Amino acid sequence: MPRDIWFDQPREYCGIFGIWGHSKASWLAYLGLFALQHRGQEAAGIVVNNSGILNGYKATGLVNDVFQEEILQRLKGKAAVGHVRYSTTGASVLKNAQPLLIDDAYGSVCIAHNGNLVNSLMLRKELEQQGSIFQTTTDSEIIIHLMAKVRSQDIIKRLSSALQKTQGAYSLVLMNENNLIGVRDPLGFRPLCLGKLNRAYCLASETCAFDLIGARFIREVSPGEIVVINDKGIKSYQMPSPPQRHAFCIFEHVYFARPDSFIFGENVHQLRRKLGIQLAREHPVKADCVIPVPDSGYSAALGYAQEAGLPIEMGIIRNHYVGRTFIQPFQGERQLSVRIKFNLLKEVLRGKRIVVVDDSIVRGTTSKIRMRTLRQAGVKEVHLRISCPPHRFACFYGIDFHRPEELIANRLDTIEKIRQYLEVDSLGYLSLEGMLKCLVYEKKHYCTACWSGQYPVKQYCFDKFALERNKNLSC
């Protein structure tokens, strides 16, 4: 096995949805996935439960393209699990689309996964040596194979046994003939929410999916919790030995989640606005107006403008029919979509000193092109403000920066060098301490690894070739 093969495995950053007890389950799953489309644009899938028989459909593409009306009409049943996917490396193929549907000695089971198992290579190698044959290259399938090794009709027993062997980030929705199950890893990296629509229960990565289908948000699934939903109602189980801390991914708040969602104890828009206020306190500048980078930079820009006493202008207009540049799977596609995704209001920008507020700079490709176009539009001064700290370290928990050498703040070791590269008059990042001050929980409950290099799951660091490829790992 090549030394760096771990870095060539598909890591999932996705949206998941599940519903039990509704006659239009597939339609509601479709709507739920539509609301979660921002979490993955490569593929979509739905598996339904029709009187204990599981079947489904999945394909590459956007939700609205994958699920035509005639397909949804064929997906009949009282329960459904849905998934939207993007992989963070090259395995953008249909066989890796989810939900995965497997038949074993104990019946049919499907799984939808958001996250990344950091010990997936070790587990996969062990399972293959024991005779397991894998149909995909996703780490989600590992969980299914681990469950199949447990000799029990009790799916909770099999699932609990499997998860005791896994390390990393996972929010899961599973379904078999009799149950819909939601699971969140003990550190709680990724969000998972519980809702109710009439007598039906539902699970989703974000509460915006509940809003679209008219469901009521009940609560977040707790870290380390297994929620079991069936015809008898709902039960909750806790994994053994819960950790004393959590590791909520702050980048969910900064970038990925929709502003109308409620995750990790607070509304995303309101948190982003607080980040913008703190950013203005840390990096004030004399300017004529604040320009948000749509869409995820808008809330922080509102906060910055409020604190700075500056007007906010819509100088950058987004074409909403172009996908999010950050989650495009290939760099060539990312560069092309940057150029066609935004248009500038030159009449608003020309001759102005502007503060551009964006959520993050990851690789720097998008920001560099955008700053150049602002200059070409006649802007007098460009002051760039970022509502999170510089990304200097790899993420091993499911977000698309697992190669630190791709990160601009890793390649360029000072803010001044990054400013020169981006060709802006000034550059200010929100400090880590300033960001943590804005959050609702104590700072020990958040994962800051991509900014600080402090990784919550230490086991990964014993992987020799990972250490060789990532000199900055702090374990």
Foldseek 3Di string as FASTA:
>chain_A
DDLPVVVQFWFKQKKKKKKAAAFLALVLLLLLVLLQQLRAAFKKKKWAAAQQDIDIDMDTGTSPVRDDPVRSVVRTHRMMMMMHIFTLADPSDRQPYDQDWDQDPLGIKTKYKHKFWLCQVVLVVVLVVVPDDDRDRGSRVSLVSQLRVDPDNDSVVSNLRSLVPTDFWIWMWMDGSFKTKTAGALQRAFWKWWWADPPMIMIISWCSSCVSVVIGTDGTQHHQKMWIQGPVGIDIDGRPDRDPAHAYACVCLLPRPDQQTQTPHGRSLVLLLLLLLLLCVVDPDDWAEEEEDPDSQPSSSNNVCVNNVHHHDDFKDFDVVQRDLQRDNDPVSSLVSLVVGIDGPLVVAAATAYEYEHSAAFQPSSLLVVLVVSVVSHHPAYEYEHSAAAQQFADNIRGNRRQNCSGPCNVDVDLVVSCVSSVHPYYYYRDPVSSQVSDDDHPRSHHPCRRPLAGPGCVSVVSVSSCVRGVSRDD
